[in-house]
Each structure stands twice: as structure tokens, then as C-alpha cells.
Amino acid sequence: METGEEIPIEATAIAMLPHSEQWVQIELPEKLTAGKYLAVAILDAGSQYDLKIAEKEITY
């Protein structure tokens, strides 16, 4: 958040079921240093559905 640098990670495909809850764990790059980050997730379920976006501030 302090520099505005984007650090993309590999997209992860998940199976979706109605009314379900899922936890997804991802590997973060080793180059991360202590600081504040903003994680952004985008859920794209296809052209028939609206995109869903989630943001989470993380202090590392």
C-alpha cells in the first residue's frame, strides 16, 4: 500500500456450490517485506454473472 506496487499471483480455480463457503490458501512471493498490503480477489463465474470483488488490508 505504501508504494502502490502490484504483485500479481497465479489465479486459482475453485469449484462453486450454492450456499457454500470455501477457504483458499495461496503461496505468496518470498520477496515480500514487512509492511501494509491490500489483497484484492476477483471472482469471475462466467458471463452470466456479475464480477465479485473483495479487498482485505494486511499488515505483514
N, C-alpha and C. Protein backbone atom coordinates (compact mmCIF):
# COMPACT_ATOMS: atom_id res chain seq x y z
N MET A 1 0.81 -1.18 0.00
CA MET A 1 0.00 0.00 0.00
C MET A 1 0.86 1.25 0.00
N GLU A 2 2.06 1.15 0.56
CA GLU A 2 2.92 2.33 0.68
C GLU A 2 3.52 2.75 -0.65
N THR A 3 3.82 1.79 -1.54
CA THR A 3 4.46 2.12 -2.81
C THR A 3 3.50 2.04 -3.99
N GLY A 4 2.39 1.36 -3.85
CA GLY A 4 1.46 1.18 -4.96
C GLY A 4 1.88 0.09 -5.92
N GLU A 5 2.98 -0.61 -5.61
CA GLU A 5 3.45 -1.69 -6.47
C GLU A 5 2.45 -2.84 -6.48
N GLU A 6 2.19 -3.39 -7.65
CA GLU A 6 1.32 -4.55 -7.77
C GLU A 6 2.18 -5.81 -7.82
N ILE A 7 1.79 -6.81 -7.06
CA ILE A 7 2.49 -8.09 -7.04
C ILE A 7 1.47 -9.16 -7.42
N PRO A 8 1.36 -9.47 -8.72
CA PRO A 8 0.36 -10.45 -9.15
C PRO A 8 0.74 -11.85 -8.70
N ILE A 9 -0.27 -12.65 -8.41
CA ILE A 9 -0.06 -14.06 -8.09
C ILE A 9 -0.88 -14.88 -9.07
N GLU A 10 -0.59 -16.15 -9.15
CA GLU A 10 -1.26 -17.04 -10.10
C GLU A 10 -2.72 -17.22 -9.71
N ALA A 11 -3.61 -17.17 -10.69
CA ALA A 11 -5.04 -17.37 -10.45
C ALA A 11 -5.29 -18.79 -9.97
N THR A 12 -6.26 -18.95 -9.09
CA THR A 12 -6.62 -20.25 -8.55
C THR A 12 -8.07 -20.56 -8.89
N ALA A 13 -8.30 -21.66 -9.57
CA ALA A 13 -9.67 -22.07 -9.90
C ALA A 13 -10.26 -22.82 -8.72
N ILE A 14 -11.52 -22.53 -8.40
CA ILE A 14 -12.21 -23.24 -7.32
C ILE A 14 -13.57 -23.71 -7.83
N ALA A 15 -14.08 -24.79 -7.22
CA ALA A 15 -15.43 -25.27 -7.53
C ALA A 15 -16.42 -24.49 -6.67
N MET A 16 -17.54 -24.12 -7.25
CA MET A 16 -18.52 -23.32 -6.52
C MET A 16 -19.83 -24.09 -6.40
N LEU A 17 -20.39 -24.09 -5.21
CA LEU A 17 -21.69 -24.69 -4.96
C LEU A 17 -22.57 -23.66 -4.27
N PRO A 18 -23.87 -23.68 -4.52
CA PRO A 18 -24.75 -22.70 -3.86
C PRO A 18 -24.65 -22.79 -2.33
N HIS A 19 -24.61 -21.64 -1.68
CA HIS A 19 -24.60 -21.51 -0.22
C HIS A 19 -23.39 -22.18 0.44
N SER A 20 -22.31 -22.35 -0.30
CA SER A 20 -21.12 -22.99 0.28
C SER A 20 -20.11 -21.93 0.70
N GLU A 21 -19.18 -22.34 1.53
CA GLU A 21 -18.09 -21.48 1.98
C GLU A 21 -16.79 -22.22 1.71
N GLN A 22 -15.80 -21.50 1.17
CA GLN A 22 -14.52 -22.14 0.86
C GLN A 22 -13.37 -21.28 1.38
N TRP A 23 -12.33 -21.92 1.81
CA TRP A 23 -11.08 -21.27 2.20
C TRP A 23 -10.04 -21.62 1.15
N VAL A 24 -9.35 -20.63 0.65
CA VAL A 24 -8.33 -20.85 -0.38
C VAL A 24 -7.00 -20.35 0.17
N GLN A 25 -6.00 -21.21 0.16
CA GLN A 25 -4.66 -20.82 0.60
C GLN A 25 -3.78 -20.66 -0.63
N ILE A 26 -2.98 -19.60 -0.64
CA ILE A 26 -2.10 -19.33 -1.77
C ILE A 26 -0.68 -19.13 -1.28
N GLU A 27 0.27 -19.38 -2.16
CA GLU A 27 1.68 -19.14 -1.87
C GLU A 27 2.00 -17.69 -2.23
N LEU A 28 2.56 -16.94 -1.30
CA LEU A 28 2.94 -15.56 -1.57
C LEU A 28 4.41 -15.51 -1.98
N PRO A 29 4.78 -14.52 -2.78
CA PRO A 29 6.18 -14.39 -3.20
C PRO A 29 7.10 -14.19 -1.99
N GLU A 30 8.29 -14.76 -2.06
CA GLU A 30 9.25 -14.65 -0.96
C GLU A 30 9.81 -13.24 -0.81
N LYS A 31 9.67 -12.41 -1.85
CA LYS A 31 10.25 -11.07 -1.81
C LYS A 31 9.47 -10.08 -0.95
N LEU A 32 8.34 -10.50 -0.38
CA LEU A 32 7.56 -9.58 0.45
C LEU A 32 8.36 -9.16 1.68
N THR A 33 8.27 -7.89 1.99
CA THR A 33 8.92 -7.37 3.19
C THR A 33 7.84 -6.89 4.15
N ALA A 34 8.21 -6.59 5.38
CA ALA A 34 7.25 -6.11 6.36
C ALA A 34 6.59 -4.84 5.85
N GLY A 35 5.30 -4.71 6.09
CA GLY A 35 4.58 -3.52 5.67
C GLY A 35 3.09 -3.78 5.56
N LYS A 36 2.38 -2.82 5.00
CA LYS A 36 0.93 -2.94 4.81
C LYS A 36 0.64 -3.28 3.34
N TYR A 37 -0.25 -4.23 3.15
CA TYR A 37 -0.63 -4.69 1.82
C TYR A 37 -2.14 -4.67 1.68
N LEU A 38 -2.60 -4.55 0.45
CA LEU A 38 -4.01 -4.66 0.14
C LEU A 38 -4.19 -5.85 -0.78
N ALA A 39 -4.85 -6.89 -0.28
CA ALA A 39 -5.13 -8.07 -1.10
C ALA A 39 -6.47 -7.86 -1.79
N VAL A 40 -6.51 -8.15 -3.08
CA VAL A 40 -7.73 -8.00 -3.86
C VAL A 40 -8.02 -9.33 -4.54
N ALA A 41 -9.25 -9.81 -4.39
CA ALA A 41 -9.68 -11.06 -5.03
C ALA A 41 -10.84 -10.74 -5.96
N ILE A 42 -10.83 -11.37 -7.12
CA ILE A 42 -11.91 -11.20 -8.09
C ILE A 42 -12.49 -12.57 -8.40
N LEU A 43 -13.80 -12.69 -8.26
CA LEU A 43 -14.49 -13.92 -8.57
C LEU A 43 -15.23 -13.74 -9.89
N ASP A 44 -14.83 -14.51 -10.89
CA ASP A 44 -15.45 -14.45 -12.21
C ASP A 44 -16.13 -15.79 -12.46
N ALA A 45 -17.46 -15.82 -12.38
CA ALA A 45 -18.21 -17.05 -12.54
C ALA A 45 -18.79 -17.20 -13.95
N GLY A 46 -18.30 -16.41 -14.86
CA GLY A 46 -18.77 -16.51 -16.24
C GLY A 46 -19.59 -15.31 -16.65
N SER A 47 -19.91 -15.26 -17.93
CA SER A 47 -20.58 -14.09 -18.49
C SER A 47 -22.02 -13.91 -18.00
N GLN A 48 -22.61 -14.93 -17.43
CA GLN A 48 -23.98 -14.83 -16.94
C GLN A 48 -24.07 -14.19 -15.55
N TYR A 49 -22.93 -13.96 -14.90
CA TYR A 49 -22.92 -13.46 -13.53
C TYR A 49 -22.08 -12.19 -13.42
N ASP A 50 -22.40 -11.36 -12.45
CA ASP A 50 -21.61 -10.17 -12.17
C ASP A 50 -20.29 -10.56 -11.52
N LEU A 51 -19.23 -9.78 -11.78
CA LEU A 51 -17.97 -9.99 -11.08
C LEU A 51 -18.14 -9.66 -9.61
N LYS A 52 -17.50 -10.41 -8.74
CA LYS A 52 -17.48 -10.14 -7.30
C LYS A 52 -16.05 -9.78 -6.92
N ILE A 53 -15.89 -8.73 -6.15
CA ILE A 53 -14.56 -8.27 -5.76
C ILE A 53 -14.51 -8.14 -4.25
N ALA A 54 -13.40 -8.61 -3.66
CA ALA A 54 -13.18 -8.49 -2.23
C ALA A 54 -11.81 -7.87 -1.99
N GLU A 55 -11.71 -7.03 -0.96
CA GLU A 55 -10.44 -6.42 -0.58
C GLU A 55 -10.18 -6.67 0.90
N LYS A 56 -8.93 -6.85 1.26
CA LYS A 56 -8.54 -7.07 2.65
C LYS A 56 -7.20 -6.40 2.90
N GLU A 57 -7.14 -5.52 3.90
CA GLU A 57 -5.86 -4.91 4.29
C GLU A 57 -5.11 -5.89 5.19
N ILE A 58 -3.82 -6.05 4.90
CA ILE A 58 -2.99 -6.99 5.64
C ILE A 58 -1.74 -6.28 6.13
N THR A 59 -1.42 -6.42 7.41
CA THR A 59 -0.15 -5.94 7.95
C THR A 59 0.74 -7.15 8.13
N TYR A 60 1.91 -7.13 7.46
CA TYR A 60 2.79 -8.28 7.43
C TYR A 60 4.07 -7.97 8.16
